[in-house]
PDB file of N, CA and C in Angstrom:
ATOM      1  N   UNK A   1       9.792 -42.296  35.707  1.00  0.00           N
ATOM      2  CA  UNK A   1      10.308 -40.945  35.679  1.00  0.00           C
ATOM      3  C   UNK A   1       9.713 -40.234  34.476  1.00  0.00           C
ATOM      4  N   UNK A   2       9.243 -39.019  34.709  1.00  0.00           N
ATOM      5  CA  UNK A   2       8.741 -38.180  33.627  1.00  0.00           C
ATOM      6  C   UNK A   2       9.756 -37.084  33.333  1.00  0.00           C
ATOM      7  N   UNK A   3       9.855 -36.727  32.085  1.00  0.00           N
ATOM      8  CA  UNK A   3      10.717 -35.619  31.688  1.00  0.00           C
ATOM      9  C   UNK A   3      10.010 -34.843  30.591  1.00  0.00           C
ATOM     10  N   UNK A   4      10.153 -33.548  30.653  1.00  0.00           N
ATOM     11  CA  UNK A   4       9.665 -32.713  29.571  1.00  0.00           C
ATOM     12  C   UNK A   4      10.873 -32.017  28.967  1.00  0.00           C
ATOM     13  N   UNK A   5      10.977 -32.084  27.651  1.00  0.00           N
ATOM     14  CA  UNK A   5      12.095 -31.378  27.046  1.00  0.00           C
ATOM     15  C   UNK A   5      11.655 -30.577  25.838  1.00  0.00           C
ATOM     16  N   UNK A   6      12.331 -29.465  25.706  1.00  0.00           N
ATOM     17  CA  UNK A   6      12.171 -28.592  24.563  1.00  0.00           C
ATOM     18  C   UNK A   6      13.562 -28.408  23.985  1.00  0.00           C
ATOM     19  N   UNK A   7      13.663 -28.615  22.695  1.00  0.00           N
ATOM     20  CA  UNK A   7      14.946 -28.457  22.024  1.00  0.00           C
ATOM     21  C   UNK A   7      14.713 -27.569  20.812  1.00  0.00           C
ATOM     22  N   UNK A   8      15.415 -26.457  20.782  1.00  0.00           N
ATOM     23  CA  UNK A   8      15.140 -25.429  19.793  1.00  0.00           C
ATOM     24  C   UNK A   8      16.398 -25.064  19.024  1.00  0.00           C
ATOM     25  N   UNK A   9      16.358 -25.192  17.701  1.00  0.00           N
ATOM     26  CA  UNK A   9      17.480 -24.699  16.895  1.00  0.00           C
ATOM     27  C   UNK A   9      17.356 -23.176  16.788  1.00  0.00           C
ATOM     28  N   UNK A  10      18.329 -22.471  17.312  1.00  0.00           N
ATOM     29  CA  UNK A  10      18.251 -21.011  17.364  1.00  0.00           C
ATOM     30  C   UNK A  10      18.475 -20.382  15.996  1.00  0.00           C
ATOM     31  N   UNK A  11      19.359 -20.947  15.199  1.00  0.00           N
ATOM     32  CA  UNK A  11      19.652 -20.397  13.873  1.00  0.00           C
ATOM     33  C   UNK A  11      19.442 -21.475  12.809  1.00  0.00           C
ATOM     34  N   UNK A  12      18.277 -22.052  12.814  1.00  0.00           N
ATOM     35  CA  UNK A  12      17.983 -23.217  11.970  1.00  0.00           C
ATOM     36  C   UNK A  12      18.122 -22.907  10.489  1.00  0.00           C
ATOM     37  N   UNK A  13      18.641 -23.888   9.773  1.00  0.00           N
ATOM     38  CA  UNK A  13      18.749 -23.831   8.319  1.00  0.00           C
ATOM     39  C   UNK A  13      17.692 -24.765   7.736  1.00  0.00           C
ATOM     40  N   UNK A  14      16.450 -24.430   7.917  1.00  0.00           N
ATOM     41  CA  UNK A  14      15.363 -25.273   7.434  1.00  0.00           C
ATOM     42  C   UNK A  14      14.066 -24.855   8.086  1.00  0.00           C
ATOM     43  N   UNK A  15      12.990 -25.489   7.666  1.00  0.00           N
ATOM     44  CA  UNK A  15      11.677 -25.182   8.203  1.00  0.00           C
ATOM     45  C   UNK A  15      11.519 -25.799   9.583  1.00  0.00           C
ATOM     46  N   UNK A  16      11.034 -25.009  10.528  1.00  0.00           N
ATOM     47  CA  UNK A  16      10.901 -25.474  11.901  1.00  0.00           C
ATOM     48  C   UNK A  16      10.024 -26.730  12.029  1.00  0.00           C
ATOM     49  N   UNK A  17       8.844 -26.797  11.393  1.00  0.00           N
ATOM     50  CA  UNK A  17       8.034 -28.022  11.515  1.00  0.00           C
ATOM     51  C   UNK A  17       8.775 -29.274  11.036  1.00  0.00           C
ATOM     52  N   UNK A  18       9.577 -29.141   9.987  1.00  0.00           N
ATOM     53  CA  UNK A  18      10.338 -30.285   9.489  1.00  0.00           C
ATOM     54  C   UNK A  18      11.377 -30.712  10.521  1.00  0.00           C
ATOM     55  N   UNK A  19      11.989 -29.761  11.210  1.00  0.00           N
ATOM     56  CA  UNK A  19      12.974 -30.085  12.235  1.00  0.00           C
ATOM     57  C   UNK A  19      12.314 -30.755  13.442  1.00  0.00           C
ATOM     58  N   UNK A  20      11.115 -30.281  13.786  1.00  0.00           N
ATOM     59  CA  UNK A  20      10.362 -30.937  14.858  1.00  0.00           C
ATOM     60  C   UNK A  20      10.086 -32.387  14.473  1.00  0.00           C
ATOM     61  N   UNK A  21       9.722 -32.621  13.234  1.00  0.00           N
ATOM     62  CA  UNK A  21       9.453 -33.978  12.759  1.00  0.00           C
ATOM     63  C   UNK A  21      10.704 -34.858  12.844  1.00  0.00           C
ATOM     64  N   UNK A  22      11.857 -34.285  12.559  1.00  0.00           N
ATOM     65  CA  UNK A  22      13.107 -35.053  12.655  1.00  0.00           C
ATOM     66  C   UNK A  22      13.406 -35.447  14.100  1.00  0.00           C
ATOM     67  N   UNK A  23      13.181 -34.520  15.020  1.00  0.00           N
ATOM     68  CA  UNK A  23      13.370 -34.850  16.444  1.00  0.00           C
ATOM     69  C   UNK A  23      12.334 -35.876  16.879  1.00  0.00           C
ATOM     70  N   UNK A  24      11.108 -35.733  16.421  1.00  0.00           N
ATOM     71  CA  UNK A  24      10.065 -36.698  16.784  1.00  0.00           C
ATOM     72  C   UNK A  24      10.426 -38.099  16.300  1.00  0.00           C
ATOM     73  N   UNK A  25      11.074 -38.195  15.159  1.00  0.00           N
ATOM     74  CA  UNK A  25      11.519 -39.497  14.656  1.00  0.00           C
ATOM     75  C   UNK A  25      12.521 -40.125  15.629  1.00  0.00           C
ATOM     76  N   UNK A  26      13.424 -39.313  16.165  1.00  0.00           N
ATOM     77  CA  UNK A  26      14.390 -39.801  17.158  1.00  0.00           C
ATOM     78  C   UNK A  26      13.650 -40.324  18.383  1.00  0.00           C
ATOM     79  N   UNK A  27      12.672 -39.563  18.851  1.00  0.00           N
ATOM     80  CA  UNK A  27      11.897 -39.964  20.027  1.00  0.00           C
ATOM     81  C   UNK A  27      11.129 -41.256  19.741  1.00  0.00           C
ATOM     82  N   UNK A  28      10.487 -41.323  18.589  1.00  0.00           N
ATOM     83  CA  UNK A  28       9.687 -42.503  18.236  1.00  0.00           C
ATOM     84  C   UNK A  28      10.552 -43.750  18.076  1.00  0.00           C
ATOM     85  N   UNK A  29      11.798 -43.576  17.681  1.00  0.00           N
ATOM     86  CA  UNK A  29      12.697 -44.717  17.531  1.00  0.00           C
ATOM     87  C   UNK A  29      13.159 -45.279  18.870  1.00  0.00           C
ATOM     88  N   UNK A  30      12.928 -44.550  19.955  1.00  0.00           N
ATOM     89  CA  UNK A  30      13.273 -45.055  21.291  1.00  0.00           C
ATOM     90  C   UNK A  30      12.144 -45.967  21.772  1.00  0.00           C
ATOM     91  N   UNK A  31      12.336 -46.585  22.916  1.00  0.00           N
ATOM     92  CA  UNK A  31      11.264 -47.427  23.461  1.00  0.00           C
ATOM     93  C   UNK A  31      10.438 -46.679  24.503  1.00  0.00           C
ATOM     94  N   UNK A  32      10.692 -45.379  24.653  1.00  0.00           N
ATOM     95  CA  UNK A  32      10.011 -44.576  25.662  1.00  0.00           C
ATOM     96  C   UNK A  32       8.582 -44.254  25.264  1.00  0.00           C
ATOM     97  N   UNK A  33       7.726 -44.128  26.281  1.00  0.00           N
ATOM     98  CA  UNK A  33       6.423 -43.539  26.043  1.00  0.00           C
ATOM     99  C   UNK A  33       6.653 -42.039  25.886  1.00  0.00           C
ATOM    100  N   UNK A  34       5.877 -41.394  25.022  1.00  0.00           N
ATOM    101  CA  UNK A  34       6.067 -39.964  24.806  1.00  0.00           C
ATOM    102  C   UNK A  34       4.777 -39.316  24.375  1.00  0.00           C
ATOM    103  N   UNK A  35       4.742 -38.004  24.540  1.00  0.00           N
ATOM    104  CA  UNK A  35       3.622 -37.210  24.053  1.00  0.00           C
ATOM    105  C   UNK A  35       4.165 -35.880  23.556  1.00  0.00           C
ATOM    106  N   UNK A  36       3.979 -35.624  22.284  1.00  0.00           N
ATOM    107  CA  UNK A  36       4.346 -34.342  21.689  1.00  0.00           C
ATOM    108  C   UNK A  36       3.233 -33.353  21.997  1.00  0.00           C
ATOM    109  N   UNK A  37       3.581 -32.143  22.377  1.00  0.00           N
ATOM    110  CA  UNK A  37       2.597 -31.085  22.552  1.00  0.00           C
ATOM    111  C   UNK A  37       3.153 -29.797  21.979  1.00  0.00           C
ATOM    112  N   UNK A  38       2.401 -28.762  22.021  1.00  0.00           N
ATOM    113  CA  UNK A  38       2.749 -27.528  21.309  1.00  0.00           C
ATOM    114  C   UNK A  38       4.054 -26.891  21.771  1.00  0.00           C
ATOM    115  N   UNK A  39       4.452 -27.111  23.017  1.00  0.00           N
ATOM    116  CA  UNK A  39       5.625 -26.433  23.550  1.00  0.00           C
ATOM    117  C   UNK A  39       6.772 -27.373  23.891  1.00  0.00           C
ATOM    118  N   UNK A  40       6.655 -28.643  23.534  1.00  0.00           N
ATOM    119  CA  UNK A  40       7.720 -29.584  23.840  1.00  0.00           C
ATOM    120  C   UNK A  40       7.233 -31.018  23.746  1.00  0.00           C
ATOM    121  N   UNK A  41       7.970 -31.897  24.410  1.00  0.00           N
ATOM    122  CA  UNK A  41       7.649 -33.323  24.405  1.00  0.00           C
ATOM    123  C   UNK A  41       7.825 -33.861  25.813  1.00  0.00           C
ATOM    124  N   UNK A  42       6.868 -34.665  26.258  1.00  0.00           N
ATOM    125  CA  UNK A  42       6.972 -35.340  27.544  1.00  0.00           C
ATOM    126  C   UNK A  42       7.386 -36.773  27.282  1.00  0.00           C
ATOM    127  N   UNK A  43       8.352 -37.251  28.052  1.00  0.00           N
ATOM    128  CA  UNK A  43       8.879 -38.609  27.940  1.00  0.00           C
ATOM    129  C   UNK A  43       8.671 -39.335  29.258  1.00  0.00           C
ATOM    130  N   UNK A  44       8.534 -40.655  29.190  1.00  0.00           N
ATOM    131  CA  UNK A  44       8.514 -41.465  30.406  1.00  0.00           C
ATOM    132  C   UNK A  44       9.460 -42.632  30.227  1.00  0.00           C
ATOM    133  N   UNK A  45      10.330 -42.844  31.206  1.00  0.00           N
ATOM    134  CA  UNK A  45      11.272 -43.952  31.151  1.00  0.00           C
ATOM    135  C   UNK A  45      12.357 -43.792  32.193  1.00  0.00           C
ATOM    136  N   UNK A  46      13.413 -44.548  32.018  1.00  0.00           N
ATOM    137  CA  UNK A  46      14.555 -44.476  32.917  1.00  0.00           C
ATOM    138  C   UNK A  46      15.442 -43.293  32.532  1.00  0.00           C
ATOM    139  N   UNK A  47      16.172 -42.766  33.506  1.00  0.00           N
ATOM    140  CA  UNK A  47      16.999 -41.578  33.292  1.00  0.00           C
ATOM    141  C   UNK A  47      17.958 -41.749  32.121  1.00  0.00           C
ATOM    142  N   UNK A  48      18.666 -42.857  32.058  1.00  0.00           N
ATOM    143  CA  UNK A  48      19.633 -43.062  30.977  1.00  0.00           C
ATOM    144  C   UNK A  48      18.958 -43.057  29.609  1.00  0.00           C
ATOM    145  N   UNK A  49      17.768 -43.648  29.526  1.00  0.00           N
ATOM    146  CA  UNK A  49      17.045 -43.668  28.253  1.00  0.00           C
ATOM    147  C   UNK A  49      16.590 -42.266  27.859  1.00  0.00           C
ATOM    148  N   UNK A  50      16.113 -41.514  28.838  1.00  0.00           N
ATOM    149  CA  UNK A  50      15.674 -40.147  28.569  1.00  0.00           C
ATOM    150  C   UNK A  50      16.843 -39.298  28.090  1.00  0.00           C
ATOM    151  N   UNK A  51      17.954 -39.380  28.801  1.00  0.00           N
ATOM    152  CA  UNK A  51      19.121 -38.589  28.425  1.00  0.00           C
ATOM    153  C   UNK A  51      19.659 -38.992  27.052  1.00  0.00           C
ATOM    154  N   UNK A  52      19.550 -40.274  26.725  1.00  0.00           N
ATOM    155  CA  UNK A  52      19.986 -40.732  25.398  1.00  0.00           C
ATOM    156  C   UNK A  52      19.114 -40.125  24.299  1.00  0.00           C
ATOM    157  N   UNK A  53      17.811 -40.056  24.516  1.00  0.00           N
ATOM    158  CA  UNK A  53      16.913 -39.444  23.526  1.00  0.00           C
ATOM    159  C   UNK A  53      17.230 -37.963  23.373  1.00  0.00           C
ATOM    160  N   UNK A  54      17.476 -37.278  24.481  1.00  0.00           N
ATOM    161  CA  UNK A  54      17.828 -35.861  24.408  1.00  0.00           C
ATOM    162  C   UNK A  54      19.154 -35.690  23.655  1.00  0.00           C
ATOM    163  N   UNK A  55      20.137 -36.544  23.942  1.00  0.00           N
ATOM    164  CA  UNK A  55      21.439 -36.481  23.262  1.00  0.00           C
ATOM    165  C   UNK A  55      21.276 -36.709  21.760  1.00  0.00           C
ATOM    166  N   UNK A  56      20.520 -37.743  21.386  1.00  0.00           N
ATOM    167  CA  UNK A  56      20.322 -38.042  19.968  1.00  0.00           C
ATOM    168  C   UNK A  56      19.530 -36.943  19.260  1.00  0.00           C
ATOM    169  N   UNK A  57      18.579 -36.344  19.970  1.00  0.00           N
ATOM    170  CA  UNK A  57      17.817 -35.226  19.406  1.00  0.00           C
ATOM    171  C   UNK A  57      18.739 -34.038  19.157  1.00  0.00           C
ATOM    172  N   UNK A  58      19.631 -33.794  20.086  1.00  0.00           N
ATOM    173  CA  UNK A  58      20.623 -32.721  19.934  1.00  0.00           C
ATOM    174  C   UNK A  58      21.487 -32.976  18.705  1.00  0.00           C
ATOM    175  N   UNK A  59      21.976 -34.201  18.563  1.00  0.00           N
ATOM    176  CA  UNK A  59      22.810 -34.542  17.404  1.00  0.00           C
ATOM    177  C   UNK A  59      22.058 -34.330  16.097  1.00  0.00           C
ATOM    178  N   UNK A  60      20.787 -34.686  16.087  1.00  0.00           N
ATOM    179  CA  UNK A  60      19.993 -34.515  14.869  1.00  0.00           C
ATOM    180  C   UNK A  60      19.857 -33.033  14.513  1.00  0.00           C
ATOM    181  N   UNK A  61      19.556 -32.203  15.480  1.00  0.00           N
ATOM    182  CA  UNK A  61      19.384 -30.776  15.185  1.00  0.00           C
ATOM    183  C   UNK A  61      20.690 -30.081  14.857  1.00  0.00           C
ATOM    184  N   UNK A  62      21.804 -30.576  15.362  1.00  0.00           N
ATOM    185  CA  UNK A  62      23.108 -29.970  15.043  1.00  0.00           C
ATOM    186  C   UNK A  62      23.424 -30.082  13.561  1.00  0.00           C
ATOM    187  N   UNK A  63      22.775 -30.998  12.861  1.00  0.00           N
ATOM    188  CA  UNK A  63      22.950 -31.095  11.412  1.00  0.00           C
ATOM    189  C   UNK A  63      22.359 -29.887  10.701  1.00  0.00           C
ATOM    190  N   UNK A  64      21.460 -29.174  11.404  1.00  0.00           N
ATOM    191  CA  UNK A  64      20.710 -28.088  10.779  1.00  0.00           C
ATOM    192  C   UNK A  64      20.924 -26.734  11.458  1.00  0.00           C
ATOM    193  N   UNK A  65      21.668 -26.710  12.541  1.00  0.00           N
ATOM    194  CA  UNK A  65      21.811 -25.480  13.300  1.00  0.00           C
ATOM    195  C   UNK A  65      23.145 -25.456  14.044  1.00  0.00           C
ATOM    196  N   UNK A  66      23.731 -24.266  14.135  1.00  0.00           N
ATOM    197  CA  UNK A  66      24.982 -24.111  14.871  1.00  0.00           C
ATOM    198  C   UNK A  66      24.762 -23.781  16.337  1.00  0.00           C
ATOM    199  N   UNK A  67      23.507 -23.548  16.705  1.00  0.00           N
ATOM    200  CA  UNK A  67      23.196 -23.204  18.087  1.00  0.00           C
ATOM    201  C   UNK A  67      21.887 -23.871  18.480  1.00  0.00           C
ATOM    202  N   UNK A  68      21.922 -24.646  19.572  1.00  0.00           N
ATOM    203  CA  UNK A  68      20.763 -25.403  20.040  1.00  0.00           C
ATOM    204  C   UNK A  68      20.476 -25.014  21.488  1.00  0.00           C
ATOM    205  N   UNK A  69      19.228 -24.738  21.788  1.00  0.00           N
ATOM    206  CA  UNK A  69      18.785 -24.480  23.148  1.00  0.00           C
ATOM    207  C   UNK A  69      18.016 -25.704  23.624  1.00  0.00           C
ATOM    208  N   UNK A  70      18.428 -26.291  24.767  1.00  0.00           N
ATOM    209  CA  UNK A  70      17.748 -27.464  25.327  1.00  0.00           C
ATOM    210  C   UNK A  70      17.248 -27.102  26.720  1.00  0.00           C
ATOM    211  N   UNK A  71      15.971 -27.349  26.945  1.00  0.00           N
ATOM    212  CA  UNK A  71      15.373 -27.190  28.268  1.00  0.00           C
ATOM    213  C   UNK A  71      14.861 -28.564  28.687  1.00  0.00           C
ATOM    214  N   UNK A  72      15.262 -29.010  29.877  1.00  0.00           N
ATOM    215  CA  UNK A  72      14.908 -30.348  30.348  1.00  0.00           C
ATOM    216  C   UNK A  72      14.433 -30.251  31.788  1.00  0.00           C
ATOM    217  N   UNK A  73      13.268 -30.791  32.038  1.00  0.00           N
ATOM    218  CA  UNK A  73      12.688 -30.817  33.376  1.00  0.00           C
ATOM    219  C   UNK A  73      12.356 -32.266  33.704  1.00  0.00           C
ATOM    220  N   UNK A  74      12.819 -32.759  34.861  1.00  0.00           N
ATOM    221  CA  UNK A  74      12.647 -34.170  35.219  1.00  0.00           C
ATOM    222  C   UNK A  74      11.897 -34.295  36.535  1.00  0.00           C
ATOM    223  N   UNK A  75      10.908 -35.185  36.558  1.00  0.00           N
ATOM    224  CA  UNK A  75      10.185 -35.547  37.776  1.00  0.00           C
ATOM    225  C   UNK A  75      10.557 -36.991  38.096  1.00  0.00           C
ATOM    226  N   UNK A  76      11.467 -37.170  39.050  1.00  0.00           N
ATOM    227  CA  UNK A  76      11.973 -38.493  39.423  1.00  0.00           C
ATOM    228  C   UNK A  76      11.221 -38.959  40.663  1.00  0.00           C
ATOM    229  N   UNK A  77      10.269 -39.856  40.451  1.00  0.00           N
ATOM    230  CA  UNK A  77       9.410 -40.345  41.522  1.00  0.00           C
ATOM    231  C   UNK A  77       9.598 -41.850  41.621  1.00  0.00           C
ATOM    232  N   UNK A  78      10.198 -42.311  42.698  1.00  0.00           N
ATOM    233  CA  UNK A  78      10.532 -43.731  42.865  1.00  0.00           C
ATOM    234  C   UNK A  78       9.311 -44.625  42.774  1.00  0.00           C
ATOM    235  N   UNK A  79       9.494 -45.732  42.063  1.00  0.00           N
ATOM    236  CA  UNK A  79       8.481 -46.779  42.014  1.00  0.00           C
ATOM    237  C   UNK A  79       7.235 -46.453  41.232  1.00  0.00           C
ATOM    238  N   UNK A  80       7.230 -45.416  40.474  1.00  0.00           N
ATOM    239  CA  UNK A  80       6.038 -45.043  39.712  1.00  0.00           C
ATOM    240  C   UNK A  80       6.295 -45.211  38.228  1.00  0.00           C
ATOM    241  N   UNK A  81       5.437 -45.985  37.591  1.00  0.00           N
ATOM    242  CA  UNK A  81       5.453 -46.115  36.137  1.00  0.00           C
ATOM    243  C   UNK A  81       4.058 -45.803  35.629  1.00  0.00           C
ATOM    244  N   UNK A  82       3.950 -45.409  34.390  1.00  0.00           N
ATOM    245  CA  UNK A  82       2.649 -45.103  33.804  1.00  0.00           C
ATOM    246  C   UNK A  82       2.129 -43.731  34.172  1.00  0.00           C
ATOM    247  N   UNK A  83       2.984 -42.870  34.686  1.00  0.00           N
ATOM    248  CA  UNK A  83       2.552 -41.537  35.114  1.00  0.00           C
ATOM    249  C   UNK A  83       2.148 -40.646  33.951  1.00  0.00           C
ATOM    250  N   UNK A  84       2.709 -40.879  32.780  1.00  0.00           N
ATOM    251  CA  UNK A  84       2.368 -40.064  31.620  1.00  0.00           C
ATOM    252  C   UNK A  84       0.866 -40.128  31.356  1.00  0.00           C
ATOM    253  N   UNK A  85       0.302 -41.301  31.460  1.00  0.00           N
ATOM    254  CA  UNK A  85      -1.135 -41.482  31.244  1.00  0.00           C
ATOM    255  C   UNK A  85      -1.906 -41.223  32.532  1.00  0.00           C
ATOM    256  N   UNK A  86      -1.404 -41.747  33.639  1.00  0.00           N
ATOM    257  CA  UNK A  86      -2.122 -41.670  34.912  1.00  0.00           C
ATOM    258  C   UNK A  86      -2.355 -40.226  35.362  1.00  0.00           C
ATOM    259  N   UNK A  87      -1.386 -39.351  35.182  1.00  0.00           N
ATOM    260  CA  UNK A  87      -1.550 -37.974  35.639  1.00  0.00           C
ATOM    261  C   UNK A  87      -2.721 -37.292  34.927  1.00  0.00           C
ATOM    262  N   UNK A  88      -2.901 -37.582  33.661  1.00  0.00           N
ATOM    263  CA  UNK A  88      -4.023 -37.018  32.906  1.00  0.00           C
ATOM    264  C   UNK A  88      -5.324 -37.691  33.310  1.00  0.00           C
ATOM    265  N   UNK A  89      -5.274 -39.002  33.490  1.00  0.00           N
ATOM    266  CA  UNK A  89      -6.480 -39.749  33.867  1.00  0.00           C
ATOM    267  C   UNK A  89      -7.013 -39.315  35.233  1.00  0.00           C
ATOM    268  N   UNK A  90      -6.140 -38.978  36.162  1.00  0.00           N
ATOM    269  CA  UNK A  90      -6.594 -38.520  37.481  1.00  0.00           C
ATOM    270  C   UNK A  90      -7.462 -37.282  37.353  1.00  0.00           C
ATOM    271  N   UNK A  91      -7.072 -36.359  36.506  1.00  0.00           N
ATOM    272  CA  UNK A  91      -7.874 -35.155  36.302  1.00  0.00           C
ATOM    273  C   UNK A  91      -9.182 -35.517  35.604  1.00  0.00           C
ATOM    274  N   UNK A  92      -9.111 -36.379  34.620  1.00  0.00           N
ATOM    275  CA  UNK A  92     -10.313 -36.793  33.883  1.00  0.00           C
ATOM    276  C   UNK A  92     -11.315 -37.476  34.811  1.00  0.00           C
ATOM    277  N   UNK A  93     -10.819 -38.289  35.742  1.00  0.00           N
ATOM    278  CA  UNK A  93     -11.693 -39.035  36.664  1.00  0.00           C
ATOM    279  C   UNK A  93     -12.439 -38.129  37.632  1.00  0.00           C
ATOM    280  N   UNK A  94     -11.985 -36.906  37.821  1.00  0.00           N
ATOM    281  CA  UNK A  94     -12.695 -35.980  38.701  1.00  0.00           C
ATOM    282  C   UNK A  94     -14.083 -35.659  38.175  1.00  0.00           C
ATOM    283  N   UNK A  95     -14.257 -35.839  36.876  1.00  0.00           N
ATOM    284  CA  UNK A  95     -15.575 -35.635  36.285  1.00  0.00           C
ATOM    285  C   UNK A  95     -16.091 -34.208  36.399  1.00  0.00           C
ATOM    286  N   UNK A  96     -15.213 -33.251  36.262  1.00  0.00           N
ATOM    287  CA  UNK A  96     -15.623 -31.848  36.384  1.00  0.00           C
ATOM    288  C   UNK A  96     -16.414 -31.353  35.183  1.00  0.00           C
ATOM    289  N   UNK A  97     -16.350 -32.103  34.084  1.00  0.00           N
ATOM    290  CA  UNK A  97     -17.017 -31.665  32.868  1.00  0.00           C
ATOM    291  C   UNK A  97     -16.208 -30.656  32.073  1.00  0.00           C
ATOM    292  N   UNK A  98     -15.032 -30.319  32.571  1.00  0.00           N
ATOM    293  CA  UNK A  98     -14.159 -29.375  31.875  1.00  0.00           C
ATOM    294  C   UNK A  98     -13.267 -30.165  30.926  1.00  0.00           C
ATOM    295  N   UNK A  99     -13.298 -29.847  29.630  1.00  0.00           N
ATOM    296  CA  UNK A  99     -12.470 -30.595  28.680  1.00  0.00           C
ATOM    297  C   UNK A  99     -10.983 -30.399  28.966  1.00  0.00           C
ATOM    298  N   UNK A 100     -10.191 -31.421  28.689  1.00  0.00           N
ATOM    299  CA  UNK A 100      -8.759 -31.357  28.916  1.00  0.00           C
ATOM    300  C   UNK A 100      -8.022 -30.623  27.808  1.00  0.00           C
ATOM    301  N   UNK A 101      -8.683 -30.397  26.711  1.00  0.00           N
ATOM    302  CA  UNK A 101      -8.080 -29.642  25.630  1.00  0.00           C
ATOM    303  C   UNK A 101      -9.161 -29.010  24.775  1.00  0.00           C
ATOM    304  N   UNK A 102      -8.765 -28.010  24.012  1.00  0.00           N
ATOM    305  CA  UNK A 102      -9.663 -27.364  23.059  1.00  0.00           C
ATOM    306  C   UNK A 102      -8.829 -27.019  21.840  1.00  0.00           C
ATOM    307  N   UNK A 103      -9.282 -27.470  20.693  1.00  0.00           N
ATOM    308  CA  UNK A 103      -8.587 -27.188  19.451  1.00  0.00           C
ATOM    309  C   UNK A 103      -9.568 -26.573  18.472  1.00  0.00           C
ATOM    310  N   UNK A 104      -9.089 -25.624  17.683  1.00  0.00           N
ATOM    311  CA  UNK A 104      -9.889 -25.075  16.604  1.00  0.00           C
ATOM    312  C   UNK A 104      -9.115 -25.258  15.318  1.00  0.00           C
ATOM    313  N   UNK A 105      -9.817 -25.480  14.253  1.00  0.00           N
ATOM    314  CA  UNK A 105      -9.161 -25.711  12.963  1.00  0.00           C
ATOM    315  C   UNK A 105      -8.405 -24.476  12.480  1.00  0.00           C
ATOM    316  N   UNK A 106      -8.872 -23.306  12.837  1.00  0.00           N
ATOM    317  CA  UNK A 106      -8.255 -22.074  12.344  1.00  0.00           C
ATOM    318  C   UNK A 106      -7.182 -21.550  13.281  1.00  0.00           C
ATOM    319  N   UNK A 107      -7.144 -22.049  14.491  1.00  0.00           N
ATOM    320  CA  UNK A 107      -6.179 -21.555  15.457  1.00  0.00           C
ATOM    321  C   UNK A 107      -6.615 -20.252  16.108  1.00  0.00           C
ATOM    322  N   UNK A 108      -7.877 -19.850  15.886  1.00  0.00           N
ATOM    323  CA  UNK A 108      -8.381 -18.613  16.482  1.00  0.00           C
ATOM    324  C   UNK A 108      -8.729 -18.841  17.944  1.00  0.00           C
ATOM    325  N   UNK A 109      -8.651 -17.778  18.721  1.00  0.00           N
ATOM    326  CA  UNK A 109      -8.959 -17.856  20.165  1.00  0.00           C
ATOM    327  C   UNK A 109     -10.341 -17.363  20.473  1.00  0.00           C
TER     328      UNK A 109
END
């Protein structure tokens, strides 16, 4: 099962990157596969494990904010594991020559 979640402290009492790092620590302490990206985090695992990470992430941010926004999207596909990596690899295997990402040091477009 894949899940993407975004958890945002609406009235944070601290620096946003530091709060992201605190949530990432919660995610890393789980046994789930995960990938942090610019707009959220993708998790792979069982539903109960995913929900536990979201719950613990919420608890962590509540230490710093009185209002938390959580967005959770779940792709529950029976009998499939390794989708976090496989979904990206399928596109890569097409060999289109189109890079899967582009980063610049300055953040300019």
